[in-house]
Protein backbone atom coordinates (compact mmCIF):
# COMPACT_ATOMS: atom_id res chain seq x y z
CA UNK A 1 -70.96 100.31 -69.96
CA UNK A 2 -72.53 98.25 -67.40
CA UNK A 3 -71.55 94.33 -67.59
CA UNK A 4 -72.32 91.50 -66.02
CA UNK A 5 -71.58 87.55 -65.21
CA UNK A 6 -72.95 84.79 -62.95
CA UNK A 7 -70.60 82.59 -60.56
CA UNK A 8 -71.29 79.28 -59.87
CA UNK A 9 -74.86 77.80 -58.39
CA UNK A 10 -75.50 74.94 -56.07
CA UNK A 11 -73.72 71.07 -57.23
CA UNK A 12 -75.91 69.48 -59.62
CA UNK A 13 -77.91 72.18 -61.04
CA UNK A 14 -77.50 72.22 -65.07
CA UNK A 15 -75.13 74.13 -67.10
CA UNK A 16 -73.37 74.41 -69.93
CA UNK A 17 -69.44 75.79 -70.96
CA UNK A 18 -68.26 76.22 -74.28
CA UNK A 19 -64.87 74.55 -75.54
CA UNK A 20 -62.61 75.64 -78.08
CA UNK A 21 -59.40 73.84 -79.32
CA UNK A 22 -56.43 76.13 -80.84
CA UNK A 23 -56.99 79.61 -82.21
CA UNK A 24 -52.94 80.01 -82.59
CA UNK A 25 -52.80 81.70 -86.15
CA UNK A 26 -55.03 84.02 -88.07
CA UNK A 27 -56.79 84.81 -84.83
CA UNK A 28 -58.52 88.46 -85.76
CA UNK A 29 -59.53 87.08 -89.51
CA UNK A 30 -61.06 83.81 -88.59
CA UNK A 31 -61.36 83.07 -84.74
CA UNK A 32 -63.58 85.90 -84.24
CA UNK A 33 -66.19 84.50 -86.66
CA UNK A 34 -66.15 80.99 -84.64
CA UNK A 35 -66.18 82.92 -81.07
CA UNK A 36 -69.37 85.29 -82.18
CA UNK A 37 -71.40 82.36 -83.85
CA UNK A 38 -70.79 80.32 -80.28
CA UNK A 39 -71.86 82.99 -78.39
CA UNK A 40 -75.34 83.37 -80.19
CA UNK A 41 -75.57 79.74 -80.15
CA UNK A 42 -74.94 79.32 -76.88
CA UNK A 43 -75.33 82.95 -75.13
CA UNK A 44 -75.50 81.47 -71.23
CA UNK A 45 -72.63 79.63 -71.28
CA UNK A 46 -70.96 79.43 -67.91
CA UNK A 47 -67.96 79.86 -69.00
CA UNK A 48 -65.08 79.27 -72.49
CA UNK A 49 -62.15 77.10 -71.74
CA UNK A 50 -59.49 77.17 -74.21
CA UNK A 51 -56.86 74.37 -74.28
CA UNK A 52 -53.69 76.72 -74.72
CA UNK A 53 -51.99 78.07 -77.93
CA UNK A 54 -53.88 81.10 -77.84
CA UNK A 55 -51.35 82.69 -80.29
CA UNK A 56 -48.74 82.22 -82.42
CA UNK A 57 -46.19 84.03 -80.02
CA UNK A 58 -46.67 85.81 -76.94
CA UNK A 59 -46.13 89.00 -78.38
CA UNK A 60 -48.63 92.24 -77.89
CA UNK A 61 -49.88 92.51 -81.63
CA UNK A 62 -51.04 88.94 -81.40
CA UNK A 63 -52.52 89.58 -77.78
CA UNK A 64 -54.19 92.28 -79.61
CA UNK A 65 -56.23 90.07 -81.92
CA UNK A 66 -57.41 87.98 -79.22
CA UNK A 67 -58.83 90.27 -77.21
CA UNK A 68 -60.47 91.65 -80.49
CA UNK A 69 -61.69 88.43 -81.45
CA UNK A 70 -63.88 87.90 -78.38
CA UNK A 71 -64.80 92.07 -77.48
CA UNK A 72 -67.36 92.65 -75.41
CA UNK A 73 -67.72 88.98 -74.89
CA UNK A 74 -64.86 88.55 -72.62
CA UNK A 75 -66.05 90.57 -69.94
CA UNK A 76 -70.11 88.24 -69.75
CA UNK A 77 -68.34 85.13 -70.23
CA UNK A 78 -65.48 84.09 -68.00
CA UNK A 79 -62.52 82.36 -69.71
CA UNK A 80 -60.27 79.40 -68.26
CA UNK A 81 -56.93 78.46 -70.29
CA UNK A 82 -54.22 75.78 -69.75
CA UNK A 83 -51.26 76.88 -71.78
CA UNK A 84 -49.87 75.33 -74.67
CA UNK A 85 -46.73 74.80 -76.54
CA UNK A 86 -46.49 78.55 -78.24
CA UNK A 87 -47.00 79.78 -74.70
CA UNK A 88 -43.33 78.86 -74.58
CA UNK A 89 -40.35 79.46 -76.31
CA UNK A 90 -40.43 82.23 -78.92
CA UNK A 91 -39.10 84.25 -81.43
CA UNK A 92 -39.12 88.14 -81.32
CA UNK A 93 -38.92 89.82 -84.83
CA UNK A 94 -35.45 90.32 -85.01
CA UNK A 95 -35.25 86.29 -84.41
CA UNK A 96 -33.83 86.49 -81.19
CA UNK A 97 -35.10 83.52 -79.16
CA UNK A 98 -37.01 84.07 -75.87
CA UNK A 99 -36.81 80.88 -73.81
CA UNK A 100 -39.22 79.85 -70.68
CA UNK A 101 -43.18 80.70 -69.88
CA UNK A 102 -44.66 84.33 -71.23
CA UNK A 103 -45.13 86.39 -68.65
CA UNK A 104 -48.00 88.20 -69.95
CA UNK A 105 -49.99 84.95 -69.50
CA UNK A 106 -50.17 86.08 -65.86
CA UNK A 107 -50.24 90.01 -66.63
CA UNK A 108 -53.29 89.27 -68.88
CA UNK A 109 -55.41 87.03 -67.07
CA UNK A 110 -56.43 85.78 -63.24
CA UNK A 111 -56.68 82.04 -62.82
CA UNK A 112 -56.71 79.98 -59.83
CA UNK A 113 -53.23 79.19 -57.88
CA UNK A 114 -54.34 76.40 -56.31
CA UNK A 115 -51.83 73.97 -58.32
CA UNK A 116 -48.14 72.47 -57.57
CA UNK A 117 -46.05 75.42 -56.23
CA UNK A 118 -44.05 77.36 -59.16
CA UNK A 119 -46.88 76.46 -61.79
CA UNK A 120 -49.73 78.79 -60.15
CA UNK A 121 -52.10 79.97 -62.80
CA UNK A 122 -50.68 77.03 -65.37
CA UNK A 123 -51.61 73.99 -63.51
CA UNK A 124 -55.00 74.00 -61.50
CA UNK A 125 -58.56 73.02 -60.47
CA UNK A 126 -61.88 74.10 -59.81
CA UNK A 127 -65.21 72.79 -59.11
CA UNK A 128 -68.22 73.65 -61.22
CA UNK A 129 -71.76 72.78 -60.06
CA UNK A 130 -70.69 69.01 -59.70
CA UNK A 131 -68.22 69.29 -61.81
CA UNK A 132 -64.46 68.98 -61.10
CA UNK A 133 -62.44 70.43 -63.21
CA UNK A 134 -58.74 69.73 -63.25
CA UNK A 135 -56.29 72.09 -66.14
CA UNK A 136 -53.16 70.85 -66.59
CA UNK A 137 -49.86 72.33 -68.49
CA UNK A 138 -48.35 69.93 -70.59
CA UNK A 139 -45.38 71.48 -71.11
CA UNK A 140 -43.17 70.80 -67.75
CA UNK A 141 -43.35 68.79 -64.24
CA UNK A 142 -45.33 66.02 -65.80
CA UNK A 143 -44.28 63.36 -63.29
CA UNK A 144 -45.34 65.96 -60.46
CA UNK A 145 -48.41 67.05 -61.98
CA UNK A 146 -49.56 63.11 -62.18
CA UNK A 147 -48.87 62.38 -58.90
CA UNK A 148 -51.35 65.86 -58.62
CA UNK A 149 -53.63 65.04 -60.25
CA UNK A 150 -54.13 61.60 -58.71
CA UNK A 151 -54.62 63.27 -55.39
CA UNK A 152 -57.21 65.36 -56.93
CA UNK A 153 -59.09 62.68 -58.60
CA UNK A 154 -58.94 60.71 -55.46
CA UNK A 155 -61.53 62.81 -53.30
CA UNK A 156 -63.42 65.10 -55.39
CA UNK A 157 -66.70 65.19 -53.99
CA UNK A 158 -68.36 65.53 -57.75
CA UNK A 159 -70.50 63.10 -59.88
CA UNK A 160 -68.04 64.31 -63.03
CA UNK A 161 -64.76 64.98 -63.49
CA UNK A 162 -63.26 66.33 -66.81
CA UNK A 163 -59.10 67.24 -67.42
CA UNK A 164 -57.83 69.33 -69.59
CA UNK A 165 -54.19 70.10 -70.88
CA UNK A 166 -52.56 71.09 -74.48
CA UNK A 167 -50.95 68.02 -75.92
CA UNK A 168 -52.97 64.78 -76.60
CA UNK A 169 -52.81 61.18 -75.20
CA UNK A 170 -53.14 59.95 -78.41
CA UNK A 171 -51.89 62.13 -81.30
CA UNK A 172 -53.55 62.53 -84.69
CA UNK A 173 -51.33 65.49 -86.51
CA UNK A 174 -49.05 64.79 -89.14
CA UNK A 175 -46.45 62.51 -87.71
CA UNK A 176 -46.82 62.98 -83.74
CA UNK A 177 -46.90 60.53 -81.06
CA UNK A 178 -47.01 62.43 -77.56
CA UNK A 179 -45.29 59.47 -75.46
CA UNK A 180 -44.45 62.03 -72.57
CA UNK A 181 -47.95 62.98 -71.82
CA UNK A 182 -49.68 59.30 -72.10
CA UNK A 183 -47.13 57.93 -70.17
CA UNK A 184 -47.49 60.46 -67.25
CA UNK A 185 -51.45 61.24 -67.87
CA UNK A 186 -52.68 58.36 -69.21
CA UNK A 187 -52.58 55.63 -66.12
CA UNK A 188 -53.94 58.09 -63.58
CA UNK A 189 -57.06 59.06 -66.23
CA UNK A 190 -57.20 55.27 -66.45
CA UNK A 191 -57.11 54.53 -62.90
CA UNK A 192 -60.29 56.29 -61.83
CA UNK A 193 -62.13 56.44 -65.21
CA UNK A 194 -62.27 60.55 -65.86
CA UNK A 195 -65.78 61.03 -67.98
CA UNK A 196 -64.14 63.20 -70.73
CA UNK A 197 -60.48 64.54 -71.51
CA UNK A 198 -59.97 67.80 -73.50
CA UNK A 199 -57.08 68.59 -75.62
CA UNK A 200 -55.59 70.60 -78.81
CA UNK A 201 -51.92 70.77 -80.40
CA UNK A 202 -52.74 68.70 -83.17
CA UNK A 203 -55.25 71.18 -85.35
CA UNK A 204 -57.50 68.16 -86.08
CA UNK A 205 -60.51 66.91 -85.31
CA UNK A 206 -60.54 63.60 -83.25
CA UNK A 207 -62.64 62.16 -80.89
CA UNK A 208 -62.37 58.80 -78.84
CA UNK A 209 -64.73 55.75 -78.08
CA UNK A 210 -65.19 55.28 -74.24
CA UNK A 211 -61.44 54.17 -73.65
CA UNK A 212 -59.39 52.36 -70.96
CA UNK A 213 -55.63 51.02 -71.14
CA UNK A 214 -55.35 52.43 -74.44
CA UNK A 215 -58.73 49.88 -75.65
CA UNK A 216 -62.47 50.57 -75.95
CA UNK A 217 -64.95 49.30 -73.14
CA UNK A 218 -67.64 47.25 -73.85
CA UNK A 219 -70.78 48.80 -73.23
CA UNK A 220 -72.01 49.92 -70.28
CA UNK A 221 -67.85 49.92 -69.04
CA UNK A 222 -66.23 52.71 -66.91
CA UNK A 223 -63.57 54.67 -69.40
CA UNK A 224 -63.05 57.95 -70.51
CA UNK A 225 -63.52 60.13 -73.77
CA UNK A 226 -60.65 62.03 -75.26
CA UNK A 227 -61.40 64.84 -77.58
CA UNK A 228 -59.01 66.66 -80.07
CA UNK A 229 -60.58 69.90 -81.28
CA UNK A 230 -59.06 73.07 -82.98
CA UNK A 231 -60.79 76.68 -84.01
CA UNK A 232 -58.34 78.72 -85.70
CA UNK A 233 -57.55 78.73 -89.34
CA UNK A 234 -54.18 76.58 -89.16
CA UNK A 235 -54.85 72.60 -90.07
CA UNK A 236 -52.73 69.88 -90.32
CA UNK A 237 -53.15 66.39 -92.03
CA UNK A 238 -54.79 63.60 -90.14
CA UNK A 239 -52.55 61.22 -88.66
CA UNK A 240 -54.47 57.79 -88.94
CA UNK A 241 -52.06 56.10 -86.14
CA UNK A 242 -55.19 55.25 -83.79
CA UNK A 243 -57.79 55.37 -85.90
CA UNK A 244 -59.30 52.53 -84.43
CA UNK A 245 -59.99 54.00 -81.21
CA UNK A 246 -62.07 56.88 -82.86
CA UNK A 247 -65.78 57.62 -83.25
CA UNK A 248 -65.47 60.88 -85.35
CA UNK A 249 -62.06 62.61 -86.98
CA UNK A 250 -61.61 65.24 -89.48
CA UNK A 251 -59.62 68.63 -90.26
CA UNK A 252 -59.54 71.75 -92.91
CA UNK A 253 -62.32 72.82 -90.22
CA UNK A 254 -63.11 75.09 -87.80
CA UNK A 255 -65.17 74.12 -84.65
CA UNK A 256 -66.51 74.61 -81.26
CA UNK A 257 -67.84 72.53 -79.12
CA UNK A 258 -70.67 73.03 -76.36
CA UNK A 259 -70.75 71.12 -73.06
CA UNK A 260 -73.61 70.43 -70.99
CA UNK A 261 -74.38 68.62 -67.73
CA UNK A 262 -77.62 68.07 -66.62
CA UNK A 263 -77.30 66.08 -62.89
CA UNK A 264 -76.48 62.32 -64.05
CA UNK A 265 -76.17 62.88 -68.03
CA UNK A 266 -73.38 64.84 -70.20
CA UNK A 267 -74.15 66.05 -73.73
CA UNK A 268 -71.26 67.46 -76.03
CA UNK A 269 -71.80 68.67 -79.29
CA UNK A 270 -68.92 70.22 -81.95
CA UNK A 271 -70.53 72.56 -84.17
CA UNK A 272 -68.59 74.22 -87.56
CA UNK A 273 -68.48 77.75 -87.72
CA UNK A 274 -71.11 78.12 -89.86
CA UNK A 275 -73.54 76.28 -86.96
CA UNK A 276 -73.76 73.18 -88.38
CA UNK A 277 -73.67 69.95 -86.06
CA UNK A 278 -70.50 67.91 -86.95
CA UNK A 279 -70.28 65.51 -83.62
CA UNK A 280 -72.44 64.51 -80.46
CA UNK A 281 -72.28 62.14 -78.27
CA UNK A 282 -74.06 61.71 -74.51
CA UNK A 283 -72.63 60.36 -71.35
CA UNK A 284 -74.92 58.80 -68.87
CA UNK A 285 -74.10 57.73 -64.77
C-alpha cells in the first residue's frame, strides 16, 4: 500500500512529537493500546521518541511484539530512540548469557551516525525546526559523551534544546540512585541550561520543577525540567529520595507525552492510556 511521512520544515515552524517511556514487557498486550491511543490523539506528530528498553530481551519474539504494537503506524511516523539497559546484556532461553549491545538494533533501525566513533546510531543528534535533540547512550562511555554533549550545546543555533537518555539523573524507582549518569551529564546540562531532559528506566512517573545544580530555581530563572516516564505494564514502587525537587510523581500507570514547540513556547502534556490528562506544564522564552 502507499504510505507517506513528512520531513522537517523550516526552523521556527510549530510541531509536535510524542515521547514514550520504557515499553519493555507485555508489549503486545499493553503497549499496543497506548501507541494506538497516542496516534488517535496526536495523528500529526512529526515523530515518536522512545527512551530505551524497547523490549525485555532483544530476541526475535520480543521484536515481533514491538513491531506488532505499532503496526502500520511505524510506516507513517518516524521513530527516534536511545538505547536502554535491556538492549545490552541478556540471557537466551537456555540460560546462556549474551554480553554487549544487541546487533539487532542497527539491523532494525536506521538512525543518525553523527555521534562518537563506535557509538553510531546509539549516541547522536538532530536539529528539527528550531530544536536540537541530543540522544545519549547512558550505558557506556559517559565521560566521553559528556564532552561531546558540551560541544553540541556550546553552539546549537537553535532556540530549544532537548536531551534524552535512559537512566535518569534523579532516580525514583525502587532503591535506585544513578550517580554515574548524574555525575557525567548534569554538570553539562546545568552549564547550558538545557530546557528538557527525557528519561525512563525507573518504571514510574516523575517530573521536576525547573532545576539547576540540584536545586529548584527561582521564578523566571534558567534551569532544566527532568522527566521520567513509562508506557508499559511494568511498574515499580516510588523512591522518594528526590521528592522535594518534583512537581508531579506517580506509579502503576501507563502514560504517553505530547510535546509541542511553537516558536517561544514549549507545551508538555502527559496522558493516561484512556486519554485523561495526567500532568502538564509550559516553558517560555
